Amino acid sequence: MVRRNVPSAARLICAACMLALALVFTPRPAISAELVMVEESFCEWCELWNEEIGVVYAKTEEGERAPLRRVEMRSAEMKAMTFKMRVQYTPTFILMEDGAEVGRIEGYPGEDFFWGMLQGLLKKLPATDAATQ
């Protein structure tokens, strides 16, 4: 009786292993770009950006291409990051690709200008696999 169950159990184990390997080695789109928002808690321009853009950013094509990462101006996280030049104003939006600064938007120029400026920065990124398919 044990002999009959062994081949069935071996097949189940083999199938489970193959499924696990397929899940591990399935290519996934890499998110190497991010938009770092350097902000301060008392910044009224940061608050305005949050009201006008922040509530929808993650749902936009831009937000999918460069997910938002919020960093407090004088935080340890901010000090650990490397930028081309010092951040002087909040909000400052820094487009990063693989840990390197691509470009930035200093201040918040309003909703209409922000989207255009961000699209200009995003054009500097390499084409994604999804865009080339």
Protein backbone atom coordinates (compact mmCIF):
# COMPACT_ATOMS: atom_id res chain seq x y z
CA MET A 1 0.00 0.00 0.00
CA VAL A 2 2.83 2.38 0.77
CA ARG A 3 4.39 1.57 -2.59
CA ARG A 4 1.35 2.89 -4.53
CA ASN A 5 1.36 6.21 -2.67
CA VAL A 6 5.07 6.83 -3.17
CA PRO A 7 4.87 7.55 -6.91
CA SER A 8 1.83 9.80 -6.39
CA ALA A 9 3.55 11.68 -3.59
CA ALA A 10 6.72 11.99 -5.66
CA ARG A 11 4.72 13.44 -8.56
CA LEU A 12 3.02 15.94 -6.25
CA ILE A 13 6.33 17.01 -4.76
CA CYS A 14 7.90 17.31 -8.20
CA ALA A 15 4.96 19.38 -9.48
CA ALA A 16 5.12 21.66 -6.43
CA CYS A 17 8.85 22.18 -6.95
CA MET A 18 8.36 23.00 -10.63
CA LEU A 19 5.63 25.51 -9.77
CA ALA A 20 7.83 27.13 -7.13
CA LEU A 21 10.73 27.42 -9.59
CA ALA A 22 8.44 28.90 -12.24
CA LEU A 23 7.23 31.54 -9.79
CA VAL A 24 10.75 32.42 -8.68
CA PHE A 25 12.21 32.65 -12.18
CA THR A 26 9.30 34.35 -13.94
CA PRO A 27 10.54 37.70 -15.24
CA ARG A 28 8.91 40.66 -13.53
CA PRO A 29 9.14 44.26 -14.62
CA ALA A 30 11.87 45.99 -12.65
CA ILE A 31 11.09 49.25 -10.97
CA SER A 32 14.37 51.05 -11.12
CA ALA A 33 13.03 54.59 -11.34
CA GLU A 34 11.46 56.50 -8.48
CA LEU A 35 10.39 60.05 -7.80
CA VAL A 36 11.80 61.17 -4.47
CA MET A 37 9.77 63.94 -2.86
CA VAL A 38 11.82 65.82 -0.29
CA GLU A 39 9.36 67.50 2.05
CA GLU A 40 8.95 69.13 5.45
CA SER A 41 5.96 68.85 7.75
CA PHE A 42 5.33 72.61 7.86
CA CYS A 43 5.73 73.20 4.10
CA GLU A 44 2.55 74.73 2.67
CA TRP A 45 3.68 74.01 -0.92
CA CYS A 46 4.08 70.35 0.04
CA GLU A 47 0.54 70.38 1.41
CA LEU A 48 -0.76 71.95 -1.82
CA TRP A 49 1.02 69.28 -3.89
CA ASN A 50 -0.51 66.59 -1.67
CA GLU A 51 -3.99 68.02 -2.27
CA GLU A 52 -3.64 68.54 -6.03
CA ILE A 53 -1.30 65.76 -7.15
CA GLY A 54 -0.52 63.44 -4.25
CA VAL A 55 -4.02 61.98 -4.09
CA VAL A 56 -3.84 60.73 -7.71
CA TYR A 57 -0.12 60.34 -8.43
CA ALA A 58 0.11 56.58 -7.81
CA LYS A 59 -2.81 55.99 -10.21
CA THR A 60 -1.19 57.81 -13.15
CA GLU A 61 1.16 56.52 -15.85
CA GLU A 62 3.86 58.73 -14.36
CA GLY A 63 3.27 57.20 -10.94
CA GLU A 64 3.57 53.71 -12.34
CA ARG A 65 6.77 54.59 -14.21
CA ALA A 66 8.37 56.35 -11.22
CA PRO A 67 6.68 55.48 -7.91
CA LEU A 68 6.74 58.19 -5.26
CA ARG A 69 9.08 57.96 -2.31
CA ARG A 70 8.60 60.59 0.39
CA VAL A 71 11.65 61.69 2.37
CA GLU A 72 11.67 64.18 5.23
CA MET A 73 14.21 66.99 4.64
CA ARG A 74 16.50 66.42 7.62
CA SER A 75 15.94 62.71 8.14
CA ALA A 76 18.57 59.99 8.37
CA GLU A 77 17.10 58.49 5.20
CA MET A 78 17.70 61.76 3.35
CA LYS A 79 21.27 62.01 4.65
CA ALA A 80 21.97 58.48 3.39
CA MET A 81 20.93 59.38 -0.16
CA THR A 82 23.30 60.78 -2.78
CA PHE A 83 22.16 63.60 -5.04
CA LYS A 84 23.99 65.67 -7.67
CA MET A 85 23.58 68.76 -5.54
CA ARG A 86 22.23 69.76 -2.15
CA VAL A 87 18.47 70.02 -1.68
CA GLN A 88 17.62 73.55 -0.57
CA TYR A 89 13.86 73.88 -0.99
CA THR A 90 10.77 71.85 -0.22
CA PRO A 91 9.19 70.31 -1.98
CA THR A 92 11.94 69.11 -4.27
CA PHE A 93 11.13 66.24 -6.61
CA ILE A 94 14.15 64.21 -7.67
CA LEU A 95 13.83 61.59 -10.38
CA MET A 96 16.18 58.71 -9.58
CA GLU A 97 17.16 55.82 -11.84
CA ASP A 98 19.04 52.93 -10.22
CA GLY A 99 20.08 55.21 -7.35
CA ALA A 100 21.40 58.02 -9.57
CA GLU A 101 19.76 61.41 -9.99
CA VAL A 102 18.30 61.99 -13.46
CA GLY A 103 16.85 65.42 -12.80
CA ARG A 104 14.77 67.45 -10.40
CA ILE A 105 11.92 69.87 -9.96
CA GLU A 106 12.58 72.41 -7.23
CA GLY A 107 9.45 73.76 -5.61
CA TYR A 108 5.90 73.19 -6.71
CA PRO A 109 4.99 75.34 -9.72
CA GLY A 110 1.33 74.32 -9.75
CA GLU A 111 -0.53 71.36 -11.16
CA ASP A 112 -0.33 72.26 -14.86
CA PHE A 113 3.39 73.01 -14.84
CA PHE A 114 4.28 70.07 -12.60
CA TRP A 115 2.94 67.41 -14.99
CA GLY A 116 4.75 68.93 -17.97
CA MET A 117 8.02 69.25 -16.08
CA LEU A 118 7.73 65.67 -14.80
CA GLN A 119 7.06 64.34 -18.30
CA GLY A 120 10.20 66.13 -19.48
CA LEU A 121 12.21 64.37 -16.77
CA LEU A 122 10.66 60.99 -17.52
CA LYS A 123 11.78 61.30 -21.16
CA LYS A 124 15.35 61.10 -19.89
CA LEU A 125 14.76 57.57 -18.60
CA PRO A 126 15.58 54.56 -20.76
CA ALA A 127 12.62 53.01 -22.56
CA THR A 128 10.83 50.30 -20.59
CA ASP A 129 10.27 46.80 -21.90
CA ALA A 130 6.51 47.41 -21.81
CA ALA A 131 6.93 50.50 -23.98
CA THR A 132 8.93 48.57 -26.60
CA GLN A 133 6.50 45.66 -26.91
